[in-house]
């Protein structure tokens, strides 16, 4: 069974590779944009650039199952469609797609884009598993190479909303389970959020676990938009993120703290909570404090 992992050097994709590569019944192939990135993964790899359609067919040759994720730009829809068209030609049978939050009635624009990709996967006739993670706990470790929490201050844009959280490693484990046994998980949509906490709650938990003071500083969404645009992020996608921060803060996102009970059934263990996450990454959180 040959499985192609896109986004294989990212924080989810890399963990999917790690979950699968020791299984001798599987041939795991990492899709990477450069040889240098692929060499660190410990599996065979192929070149794949979602902006270069000519790299799709060679990467998909002989592949049975795919883990599909894209970058955070509006181009994700074009990229996904072109990739899936080539996957159909290559006779790929099962697609595990990493999407975004929300139920089927979601109206947040970038969540909807992911759901349209889901529908296209189904329309092309693949067997499928859709993954819809809630807020990534890892977003508080850092973003785009910069720490999110400095000197114990969590600067985020959700207002006082209580959110549902998931560890990226738990998402990767569900992806691996779904790729390993496609028949058992065909046709399923797994929403993943397992610990409901406001950012004030998260600050309290970090303070208790790390033994140093943390606090949440609710920042205006305009500040977020200015920062990401200055850093060169995709304006269309990031404007959607900007708008949804407002919706969270104003209580317009339905059930933002909804948690789900599928993880233990899927993996045989309990999902990571914020307390467990803080303990696992205690050194990183401590390193965010500058010494006098």
C-alpha atoms as a PDB file:
ATOM      1  CA  UNK A   1       0.000   0.000   0.000  1.00  0.00           C
ATOM      2  CA  UNK A   2       1.660   3.239  -1.189  1.00  0.00           C
ATOM      3  CA  UNK A   3       0.681   6.392   0.709  1.00  0.00           C
ATOM      4  CA  UNK A   4       1.643   9.925  -0.326  1.00  0.00           C
ATOM      5  CA  UNK A   5       1.831  12.555   2.423  1.00  0.00           C
ATOM      6  CA  UNK A   6       1.563  16.162   1.257  1.00  0.00           C
ATOM      7  CA  UNK A   7       2.775  18.892   3.596  1.00  0.00           C
ATOM      8  CA  UNK A   8       5.192  16.283   4.933  1.00  0.00           C
ATOM      9  CA  UNK A   9       7.572  18.787   6.513  1.00  0.00           C
ATOM     10  CA  UNK A  10       4.818  20.702   8.339  1.00  0.00           C
ATOM     11  CA  UNK A  11       3.813  20.193  11.941  1.00  0.00           C
ATOM     12  CA  UNK A  12       0.890  17.873  11.068  1.00  0.00           C
ATOM     13  CA  UNK A  13       2.313  16.181   7.979  1.00  0.00           C
ATOM     14  CA  UNK A  14       5.631  15.343   9.650  1.00  0.00           C
ATOM     15  CA  UNK A  15       3.770  13.619  12.488  1.00  0.00           C
ATOM     16  CA  UNK A  16       1.637  11.668   9.987  1.00  0.00           C
ATOM     17  CA  UNK A  17       4.863  10.382   8.438  1.00  0.00           C
ATOM     18  CA  UNK A  18       6.213   9.436  11.876  1.00  0.00           C
ATOM     19  CA  UNK A  19       3.018   7.569  12.724  1.00  0.00           C
ATOM     20  CA  UNK A  20       3.131   5.492   9.548  1.00  0.00           C
ATOM     21  CA  UNK A  21       6.760   4.914   8.625  1.00  0.00           C
ATOM     22  CA  UNK A  22       7.351   2.007  11.021  1.00  0.00           C
ATOM     23  CA  UNK A  23       4.447   0.012   9.518  1.00  0.00           C
ATOM     24  CA  UNK A  24       6.061  -2.571   7.245  1.00  0.00           C
ATOM     25  CA  UNK A  25       2.799  -3.129   5.343  1.00  0.00           C
ATOM     26  CA  UNK A  26       2.914   0.452   4.044  1.00  0.00           C
ATOM     27  CA  UNK A  27       5.194   2.314   1.674  1.00  0.00           C
ATOM     28  CA  UNK A  28       5.196   5.926   2.878  1.00  0.00           C
ATOM     29  CA  UNK A  29       6.245   8.614   0.411  1.00  0.00           C
ATOM     30  CA  UNK A  30       6.716  12.220   1.529  1.00  0.00           C
ATOM     31  CA  UNK A  31       5.814  15.000  -0.896  1.00  0.00           C
ATOM     32  CA  UNK A  32       8.310  17.852  -0.531  1.00  0.00           C
ATOM     33  CA  UNK A  33       9.283  20.942  -2.496  1.00  0.00           C
ATOM     34  CA  UNK A  34      13.025  20.326  -2.212  1.00  0.00           C
ATOM     35  CA  UNK A  35      15.401  17.423  -1.711  1.00  0.00           C
ATOM     36  CA  UNK A  36      16.949  19.159   1.300  1.00  0.00           C
ATOM     37  CA  UNK A  37      13.610  19.157   3.143  1.00  0.00           C
ATOM     38  CA  UNK A  38      12.899  15.521   2.297  1.00  0.00           C
ATOM     39  CA  UNK A  39      16.192  14.122   3.606  1.00  0.00           C
ATOM     40  CA  UNK A  40      15.267  14.783   7.239  1.00  0.00           C
ATOM     41  CA  UNK A  41      12.108  12.646   7.206  1.00  0.00           C
ATOM     42  CA  UNK A  42      13.582   9.139   7.125  1.00  0.00           C
ATOM     43  CA  UNK A  43      11.325   7.923   4.293  1.00  0.00           C
ATOM     44  CA  UNK A  44      11.477   8.074   0.533  1.00  0.00           C
ATOM     45  CA  UNK A  45      10.313  11.355  -0.928  1.00  0.00           C
ATOM     46  CA  UNK A  46       9.205  12.912  -4.203  1.00  0.00           C
ATOM     47  CA  UNK A  47       9.141  16.489  -5.430  1.00  0.00           C
ATOM     48  CA  UNK A  48       5.716  18.112  -5.307  1.00  0.00           C
ATOM     49  CA  UNK A  49       4.979  21.825  -5.606  1.00  0.00           C
ATOM     50  CA  UNK A  50       1.278  22.697  -5.499  1.00  0.00           C
ATOM     51  CA  UNK A  51       1.963  25.692  -7.745  1.00  0.00           C
ATOM     52  CA  UNK A  52       3.608  23.505 -10.404  1.00  0.00           C
ATOM     53  CA  UNK A  53       1.080  21.138 -11.930  1.00  0.00           C
ATOM     54  CA  UNK A  54       3.825  19.343 -13.856  1.00  0.00           C
ATOM     55  CA  UNK A  55       5.073  17.871 -10.552  1.00  0.00           C
ATOM     56  CA  UNK A  56       1.726  16.214  -9.745  1.00  0.00           C
ATOM     57  CA  UNK A  57       1.644  13.210 -12.082  1.00  0.00           C
ATOM     58  CA  UNK A  58       5.168  11.924 -11.292  1.00  0.00           C
ATOM     59  CA  UNK A  59       4.519  12.254  -7.549  1.00  0.00           C
ATOM     60  CA  UNK A  60       1.203  10.392  -7.803  1.00  0.00           C
ATOM     61  CA  UNK A  61       2.449   7.492  -9.915  1.00  0.00           C
ATOM     62  CA  UNK A  62       1.513   4.203  -8.239  1.00  0.00           C
ATOM     63  CA  UNK A  63      -0.020   5.902  -5.187  1.00  0.00           C
ATOM     64  CA  UNK A  64      -3.014   4.230  -3.497  1.00  0.00           C
ATOM     65  CA  UNK A  65      -3.876   6.735  -0.733  1.00  0.00           C
ATOM     66  CA  UNK A  66      -3.154  10.421  -0.135  1.00  0.00           C
ATOM     67  CA  UNK A  67      -3.016  12.754   2.822  1.00  0.00           C
ATOM     68  CA  UNK A  68      -3.974  16.132   1.350  1.00  0.00           C
ATOM     69  CA  UNK A  69      -3.335  19.507   2.931  1.00  0.00           C
ATOM     70  CA  UNK A  70      -2.619  22.885   1.394  1.00  0.00           C
ATOM     71  CA  UNK A  71      -1.163  26.206   2.443  1.00  0.00           C
ATOM     72  CA  UNK A  72      -3.121  29.096   3.896  1.00  0.00           C
ATOM     73  CA  UNK A  73      -3.926  31.026   0.719  1.00  0.00           C
ATOM     74  CA  UNK A  74      -7.001  31.376  -1.475  1.00  0.00           C
ATOM     75  CA  UNK A  75      -5.036  29.351  -4.051  1.00  0.00           C
ATOM     76  CA  UNK A  76      -5.800  26.263  -1.959  1.00  0.00           C
ATOM     77  CA  UNK A  77      -8.978  25.702  -3.989  1.00  0.00           C
ATOM     78  CA  UNK A  78      -7.217  25.844  -7.358  1.00  0.00           C
ATOM     79  CA  UNK A  79      -4.309  23.766  -6.066  1.00  0.00           C
ATOM     80  CA  UNK A  80      -6.566  21.120  -4.518  1.00  0.00           C
ATOM     81  CA  UNK A  81      -8.743  20.765  -7.617  1.00  0.00           C
ATOM     82  CA  UNK A  82      -5.765  20.360  -9.935  1.00  0.00           C
ATOM     83  CA  UNK A  83      -4.118  17.876  -7.569  1.00  0.00           C
ATOM     84  CA  UNK A  84      -7.304  15.827  -7.210  1.00  0.00           C
ATOM     85  CA  UNK A  85      -7.823  15.767 -10.976  1.00  0.00           C
ATOM     86  CA  UNK A  86      -4.343  14.269 -11.372  1.00  0.00           C
ATOM     87  CA  UNK A  87      -4.953  11.883  -8.465  1.00  0.00           C
ATOM     88  CA  UNK A  88      -8.074  10.576 -10.226  1.00  0.00           C
ATOM     89  CA  UNK A  89      -6.064   9.982 -13.396  1.00  0.00           C
ATOM     90  CA  UNK A  90      -3.473   8.104 -11.328  1.00  0.00           C
ATOM     91  CA  UNK A  91      -6.199   5.864  -9.834  1.00  0.00           C
ATOM     92  CA  UNK A  92      -5.659   7.014  -6.260  1.00  0.00           C
ATOM     93  CA  UNK A  93      -8.395   5.384  -4.217  1.00  0.00           C
ATOM     94  CA  UNK A  94      -8.604   7.126  -0.847  1.00  0.00           C
ATOM     95  CA  UNK A  95      -8.045  10.751   0.181  1.00  0.00           C
ATOM     96  CA  UNK A  96      -7.684  11.948   3.772  1.00  0.00           C
ATOM     97  CA  UNK A  97      -8.164  15.712   3.672  1.00  0.00           C
ATOM     98  CA  UNK A  98      -7.076  18.114   6.399  1.00  0.00           C
ATOM     99  CA  UNK A  99      -9.716  20.825   6.492  1.00  0.00           C
ATOM    100  CA  UNK A 100     -10.832  23.416   9.022  1.00  0.00           C
ATOM    101  CA  UNK A 101     -13.337  24.060  11.816  1.00  0.00           C
ATOM    102  CA  UNK A 102     -17.081  24.099  11.565  1.00  0.00           C
ATOM    103  CA  UNK A 103     -20.165  22.048  10.861  1.00  0.00           C
ATOM    104  CA  UNK A 104     -21.738  21.735   7.428  1.00  0.00           C
ATOM    105  CA  UNK A 105     -23.562  25.055   7.899  1.00  0.00           C
ATOM    106  CA  UNK A 106     -20.337  27.029   8.472  1.00  0.00           C
ATOM    107  CA  UNK A 107     -20.211  30.491   6.897  1.00  0.00           C
ATOM    108  CA  UNK A 108     -16.652  31.544   7.821  1.00  0.00           C
ATOM    109  CA  UNK A 109     -15.101  31.980   4.395  1.00  0.00           C
ATOM    110  CA  UNK A 110     -11.893  29.965   4.716  1.00  0.00           C
ATOM    111  CA  UNK A 111     -13.748  27.141   6.490  1.00  0.00           C
ATOM    112  CA  UNK A 112     -16.178  27.084   3.562  1.00  0.00           C
ATOM    113  CA  UNK A 113     -13.307  26.851   1.087  1.00  0.00           C
ATOM    114  CA  UNK A 114     -12.126  23.691   2.821  1.00  0.00           C
ATOM    115  CA  UNK A 115     -15.650  22.270   2.716  1.00  0.00           C
ATOM    116  CA  UNK A 116     -15.855  22.932  -1.026  1.00  0.00           C
ATOM    117  CA  UNK A 117     -12.649  20.933  -1.426  1.00  0.00           C
ATOM    118  CA  UNK A 118     -14.306  18.145   0.588  1.00  0.00           C
ATOM    119  CA  UNK A 119     -17.280  18.157  -1.781  1.00  0.00           C
ATOM    120  CA  UNK A 120     -14.945  18.026  -4.790  1.00  0.00           C
ATOM    121  CA  UNK A 121     -13.161  15.003  -3.334  1.00  0.00           C
ATOM    122  CA  UNK A 122     -16.529  13.262  -3.058  1.00  0.00           C
ATOM    123  CA  UNK A 123     -17.657  14.374  -6.535  1.00  0.00           C
ATOM    124  CA  UNK A 124     -14.492  12.969  -8.124  1.00  0.00           C
ATOM    125  CA  UNK A 125     -15.430   9.582  -6.703  1.00  0.00           C
ATOM    126  CA  UNK A 126     -12.629   8.977  -4.202  1.00  0.00           C
ATOM    127  CA  UNK A 127     -13.261   7.159  -0.986  1.00  0.00           C
ATOM    128  CA  UNK A 128     -12.533   9.759   1.663  1.00  0.00           C
ATOM    129  CA  UNK A 129     -12.039  10.814   5.255  1.00  0.00           C
ATOM    130  CA  UNK A 130     -12.491  14.487   6.122  1.00  0.00           C
ATOM    131  CA  UNK A 131     -10.643  15.902   9.130  1.00  0.00           C
ATOM    132  CA  UNK A 132     -11.906  19.137  10.705  1.00  0.00           C
ATOM    133  CA  UNK A 133      -9.670  20.248  13.575  1.00  0.00           C
ATOM    134  CA  UNK A 134     -10.662  23.082  15.882  1.00  0.00           C
ATOM    135  CA  UNK A 135      -8.022  25.477  17.308  1.00  0.00           C
ATOM    136  CA  UNK A 136      -4.460  24.104  17.251  1.00  0.00           C
ATOM    137  CA  UNK A 137      -2.760  24.205  20.636  1.00  0.00           C
ATOM    138  CA  UNK A 138       0.554  24.584  18.788  1.00  0.00           C
ATOM    139  CA  UNK A 139      -0.493  28.081  17.682  1.00  0.00           C
ATOM    140  CA  UNK A 140       0.481  29.241  21.167  1.00  0.00           C
ATOM    141  CA  UNK A 141       3.990  27.827  20.790  1.00  0.00           C
ATOM    142  CA  UNK A 142       4.757  29.991  17.784  1.00  0.00           C
ATOM    143  CA  UNK A 143       3.593  31.130  14.391  1.00  0.00           C
ATOM    144  CA  UNK A 144       5.672  31.740  11.247  1.00  0.00           C
ATOM    145  CA  UNK A 145       8.860  31.196  13.200  1.00  0.00           C
ATOM    146  CA  UNK A 146       8.039  33.692  15.956  1.00  0.00           C
ATOM    147  CA  UNK A 147       6.971  32.884  19.546  1.00  0.00           C
ATOM    148  CA  UNK A 148       3.324  33.577  20.366  1.00  0.00           C
ATOM    149  CA  UNK A 149       3.833  33.894  24.125  1.00  0.00           C
ATOM    150  CA  UNK A 150       6.555  36.274  25.318  1.00  0.00           C
ATOM    151  CA  UNK A 151       7.221  36.865  29.023  1.00  0.00           C
ATOM    152  CA  UNK A 152       4.020  35.005  29.848  1.00  0.00           C
ATOM    153  CA  UNK A 153       1.762  37.265  27.765  1.00  0.00           C
ATOM    154  CA  UNK A 154      -0.586  35.503  25.335  1.00  0.00           C
ATOM    155  CA  UNK A 155      -1.458  38.025  22.640  1.00  0.00           C
ATOM    156  CA  UNK A 156      -4.433  36.758  20.632  1.00  0.00           C
ATOM    157  CA  UNK A 157      -7.566  38.126  18.973  1.00  0.00           C
ATOM    158  CA  UNK A 158     -10.502  35.966  20.138  1.00  0.00           C
ATOM    159  CA  UNK A 159     -11.911  38.331  22.744  1.00  0.00           C
ATOM    160  CA  UNK A 160     -13.286  36.346  25.672  1.00  0.00           C
ATOM    161  CA  UNK A 161     -14.573  33.427  23.588  1.00  0.00           C
ATOM    162  CA  UNK A 162     -14.313  29.918  25.009  1.00  0.00           C
ATOM    163  CA  UNK A 163     -12.708  27.748  22.335  1.00  0.00           C
ATOM    164  CA  UNK A 164     -12.321  24.074  21.510  1.00  0.00           C
ATOM    165  CA  UNK A 165      -8.673  22.987  21.209  1.00  0.00           C
ATOM    166  CA  UNK A 166      -6.723  20.075  19.722  1.00  0.00           C
ATOM    167  CA  UNK A 167      -3.063  19.039  19.701  1.00  0.00           C
ATOM    168  CA  UNK A 168      -1.651  18.752  16.147  1.00  0.00           C
ATOM    169  CA  UNK A 169      -0.152  15.408  17.111  1.00  0.00           C
ATOM    170  CA  UNK A 170      -3.650  14.098  17.840  1.00  0.00           C
ATOM    171  CA  UNK A 171      -4.800  15.306  14.420  1.00  0.00           C
ATOM    172  CA  UNK A 172      -1.871  13.499  12.825  1.00  0.00           C
ATOM    173  CA  UNK A 173      -2.682  10.285  14.659  1.00  0.00           C
ATOM    174  CA  UNK A 174      -6.287  10.315  13.415  1.00  0.00           C
ATOM    175  CA  UNK A 175      -4.982  11.001   9.897  1.00  0.00           C
ATOM    176  CA  UNK A 176      -2.633   8.020  10.168  1.00  0.00           C
ATOM    177  CA  UNK A 177      -5.400   5.758  11.443  1.00  0.00           C
ATOM    178  CA  UNK A 178      -7.619   6.816   8.531  1.00  0.00           C
ATOM    179  CA  UNK A 179      -4.868   6.217   5.978  1.00  0.00           C
ATOM    180  CA  UNK A 180      -3.917   2.856   7.425  1.00  0.00           C
ATOM    181  CA  UNK A 181      -7.482   1.463   7.342  1.00  0.00           C
ATOM    182  CA  UNK A 182      -9.279   3.350   4.590  1.00  0.00           C
ATOM    183  CA  UNK A 183     -12.256   1.005   4.421  1.00  0.00           C
ATOM    184  CA  UNK A 184     -13.102   1.460   8.092  1.00  0.00           C
ATOM    185  CA  UNK A 185     -12.957   5.259   7.818  1.00  0.00           C
ATOM    186  CA  UNK A 186     -14.419   5.771   4.353  1.00  0.00           C
ATOM    187  CA  UNK A 187     -17.188   8.366   4.250  1.00  0.00           C
ATOM    188  CA  UNK A 188     -16.403   9.777   7.703  1.00  0.00           C
ATOM    189  CA  UNK A 189     -15.999  13.385   8.780  1.00  0.00           C
ATOM    190  CA  UNK A 190     -14.094  13.666  12.034  1.00  0.00           C
ATOM    191  CA  UNK A 191     -14.376  16.929  13.898  1.00  0.00           C
ATOM    192  CA  UNK A 192     -11.543  17.258  16.376  1.00  0.00           C
ATOM    193  CA  UNK A 193     -11.606  19.492  19.412  1.00  0.00           C
ATOM    194  CA  UNK A 194     -11.198  17.911  22.826  1.00  0.00           C
ATOM    195  CA  UNK A 195     -10.586  20.572  25.464  1.00  0.00           C
ATOM    196  CA  UNK A 196     -12.766  23.698  25.780  1.00  0.00           C
ATOM    197  CA  UNK A 197     -10.933  26.623  27.367  1.00  0.00           C
ATOM    198  CA  UNK A 198     -10.906  30.396  27.044  1.00  0.00           C
ATOM    199  CA  UNK A 199      -7.501  31.986  26.657  1.00  0.00           C
ATOM    200  CA  UNK A 200      -7.809  33.249  30.224  1.00  0.00           C
ATOM    201  CA  UNK A 201      -8.274  29.591  31.236  1.00  0.00           C
ATOM    202  CA  UNK A 202      -5.223  28.626  29.175  1.00  0.00           C
ATOM    203  CA  UNK A 203      -3.164  31.317  30.916  1.00  0.00           C
ATOM    204  CA  UNK A 204      -4.261  29.968  34.300  1.00  0.00           C
ATOM    205  CA  UNK A 205      -3.341  26.390  33.344  1.00  0.00           C
ATOM    206  CA  UNK A 206       0.071  27.478  32.045  1.00  0.00           C
ATOM    207  CA  UNK A 207       0.720  29.422  35.253  1.00  0.00           C
ATOM    208  CA  UNK A 208      -0.071  26.359  37.351  1.00  0.00           C
ATOM    209  CA  UNK A 209       1.961  23.915  35.259  1.00  0.00           C
ATOM    210  CA  UNK A 210       4.967  26.095  34.402  1.00  0.00           C
ATOM    211  CA  UNK A 211       5.157  27.808  37.774  1.00  0.00           C
ATOM    212  CA  UNK A 212       5.479  31.269  36.281  1.00  0.00           C
ATOM    213  CA  UNK A 213       2.787  33.899  35.654  1.00  0.00           C
ATOM    214  CA  UNK A 214       0.916  33.884  32.344  1.00  0.00           C
ATOM    215  CA  UNK A 215      -1.891  36.192  31.268  1.00  0.00           C
ATOM    216  CA  UNK A 216      -4.038  36.751  28.187  1.00  0.00           C
ATOM    217  CA  UNK A 217      -3.900  40.113  26.427  1.00  0.00           C
ATOM    218  CA  UNK A 218      -6.882  40.369  24.075  1.00  0.00           C
ATOM    219  CA  UNK A 219      -5.711  42.374  21.083  1.00  0.00           C
ATOM    220  CA  UNK A 220      -7.782  44.083  18.340  1.00  0.00           C
ATOM    221  CA  UNK A 221      -8.092  42.046  15.115  1.00  0.00           C
ATOM    222  CA  UNK A 222      -6.907  45.067  13.096  1.00  0.00           C
ATOM    223  CA  UNK A 223      -3.506  44.578  14.684  1.00  0.00           C
ATOM    224  CA  UNK A 224      -3.400  40.968  13.464  1.00  0.00           C
ATOM    225  CA  UNK A 225      -4.272  41.957   9.895  1.00  0.00           C
ATOM    226  CA  UNK A 226      -1.641  44.681   9.774  1.00  0.00           C
ATOM    227  CA  UNK A 227       1.046  42.303  11.038  1.00  0.00           C
ATOM    228  CA  UNK A 228       0.347  39.417   8.668  1.00  0.00           C
ATOM    229  CA  UNK A 229       0.000  41.643   5.615  1.00  0.00           C
ATOM    230  CA  UNK A 230       3.268  43.361   6.469  1.00  0.00           C
ATOM    231  CA  UNK A 231       4.847  39.894   6.660  1.00  0.00           C
ATOM    232  CA  UNK A 232       3.635  39.106   3.125  1.00  0.00           C
ATOM    233  CA  UNK A 233       0.752  36.720   3.915  1.00  0.00           C
ATOM    234  CA  UNK A 234      -2.028  36.135   1.385  1.00  0.00           C
ATOM    235  CA  UNK A 235      -4.466  39.098   1.728  1.00  0.00           C
ATOM    236  CA  UNK A 236      -7.616  37.173   0.728  1.00  0.00           C
ATOM    237  CA  UNK A 237      -7.055  34.357   3.202  1.00  0.00           C
ATOM    238  CA  UNK A 238      -5.885  36.555   6.049  1.00  0.00           C
ATOM    239  CA  UNK A 239      -8.773  38.965   5.629  1.00  0.00           C
ATOM    240  CA  UNK A 240     -11.051  35.961   6.246  1.00  0.00           C
ATOM    241  CA  UNK A 241      -9.121  35.144   9.416  1.00  0.00           C
ATOM    242  CA  UNK A 242      -9.398  38.785  10.482  1.00  0.00           C
ATOM    243  CA  UNK A 243     -13.178  38.698   9.983  1.00  0.00           C
ATOM    244  CA  UNK A 244     -13.600  35.475  11.914  1.00  0.00           C
ATOM    245  CA  UNK A 245     -11.703  36.862  14.922  1.00  0.00           C
ATOM    246  CA  UNK A 246     -14.404  39.536  15.098  1.00  0.00           C
ATOM    247  CA  UNK A 247     -17.095  36.871  14.870  1.00  0.00           C
ATOM    248  CA  UNK A 248     -15.572  34.881  17.741  1.00  0.00           C
ATOM    249  CA  UNK A 249     -15.248  37.951  19.954  1.00  0.00           C
ATOM    250  CA  UNK A 250     -18.848  38.988  19.249  1.00  0.00           C
ATOM    251  CA  UNK A 251     -20.264  35.522  19.934  1.00  0.00           C
ATOM    252  CA  UNK A 252     -21.348  34.951  16.331  1.00  0.00           C
ATOM    253  CA  UNK A 253     -19.553  31.615  15.836  1.00  0.00           C
ATOM    254  CA  UNK A 254     -22.000  28.837  16.782  1.00  0.00           C
ATOM    255  CA  UNK A 255     -20.755  26.504  19.515  1.00  0.00           C
ATOM    256  CA  UNK A 256     -17.074  27.562  19.502  1.00  0.00           C
ATOM    257  CA  UNK A 257     -16.443  25.411  22.597  1.00  0.00           C
ATOM    258  CA  UNK A 258     -18.000  22.203  21.264  1.00  0.00           C
ATOM    259  CA  UNK A 259     -15.929  19.119  22.081  1.00  0.00           C
ATOM    260  CA  UNK A 260     -16.112  15.695  20.479  1.00  0.00           C
ATOM    261  CA  UNK A 261     -15.882  12.136  21.797  1.00  0.00           C
ATOM    262  CA  UNK A 262     -14.398  10.309  18.801  1.00  0.00           C
ATOM    263  CA  UNK A 263     -10.695  10.330  19.627  1.00  0.00           C
ATOM    264  CA  UNK A 264     -10.447   7.479  22.125  1.00  0.00           C
ATOM    265  CA  UNK A 265     -12.580   5.271  19.887  1.00  0.00           C
ATOM    266  CA  UNK A 266     -10.327   6.026  16.909  1.00  0.00           C
ATOM    267  CA  UNK A 267      -6.935   5.714  18.602  1.00  0.00           C
ATOM    268  CA  UNK A 268      -7.386   3.782  21.830  1.00  0.00           C
ATOM    269  CA  UNK A 269      -6.110   6.611  24.038  1.00  0.00           C
ATOM    270  CA  UNK A 270      -7.419   9.851  25.456  1.00  0.00           C
ATOM    271  CA  UNK A 271      -6.765  13.142  23.622  1.00  0.00           C
ATOM    272  CA  UNK A 272      -4.255  15.694  24.872  1.00  0.00           C
ATOM    273  CA  UNK A 273      -5.677  18.319  27.229  1.00  0.00           C
ATOM    274  CA  UNK A 274      -4.227  21.770  27.828  1.00  0.00           C
ATOM    275  CA  UNK A 275      -2.701  20.571  31.088  1.00  0.00           C
ATOM    276  CA  UNK A 276      -0.954  17.687  29.320  1.00  0.00           C
ATOM    277  CA  UNK A 277       0.118  19.961  26.458  1.00  0.00           C
ATOM    278  CA  UNK A 278       1.629  22.468  28.883  1.00  0.00           C
ATOM    279  CA  UNK A 279       3.621  19.705  30.593  1.00  0.00           C
ATOM    280  CA  UNK A 280       4.797  18.300  27.242  1.00  0.00           C
ATOM    281  CA  UNK A 281       6.025  21.713  26.046  1.00  0.00           C
ATOM    282  CA  UNK A 282       7.033  23.189  29.385  1.00  0.00           C
ATOM    283  CA  UNK A 283      10.588  23.958  28.240  1.00  0.00           C
ATOM    284  CA  UNK A 284       9.318  25.952  25.254  1.00  0.00           C
ATOM    285  CA  UNK A 285       6.906  27.967  27.378  1.00  0.00           C
ATOM    286  CA  UNK A 286       9.628  28.634  29.979  1.00  0.00           C
ATOM    287  CA  UNK A 287      12.028  29.746  27.252  1.00  0.00           C
ATOM    288  CA  UNK A 288       9.617  32.539  26.371  1.00  0.00           C
ATOM    289  CA  UNK A 289      10.601  34.367  29.543  1.00  0.00           C
ATOM    290  CA  UNK A 290      13.572  36.681  29.138  1.00  0.00           C
ATOM    291  CA  UNK A 291      15.992  36.576  32.032  1.00  0.00           C
ATOM    292  CA  UNK A 292      16.869  39.840  33.837  1.00  0.00           C
END
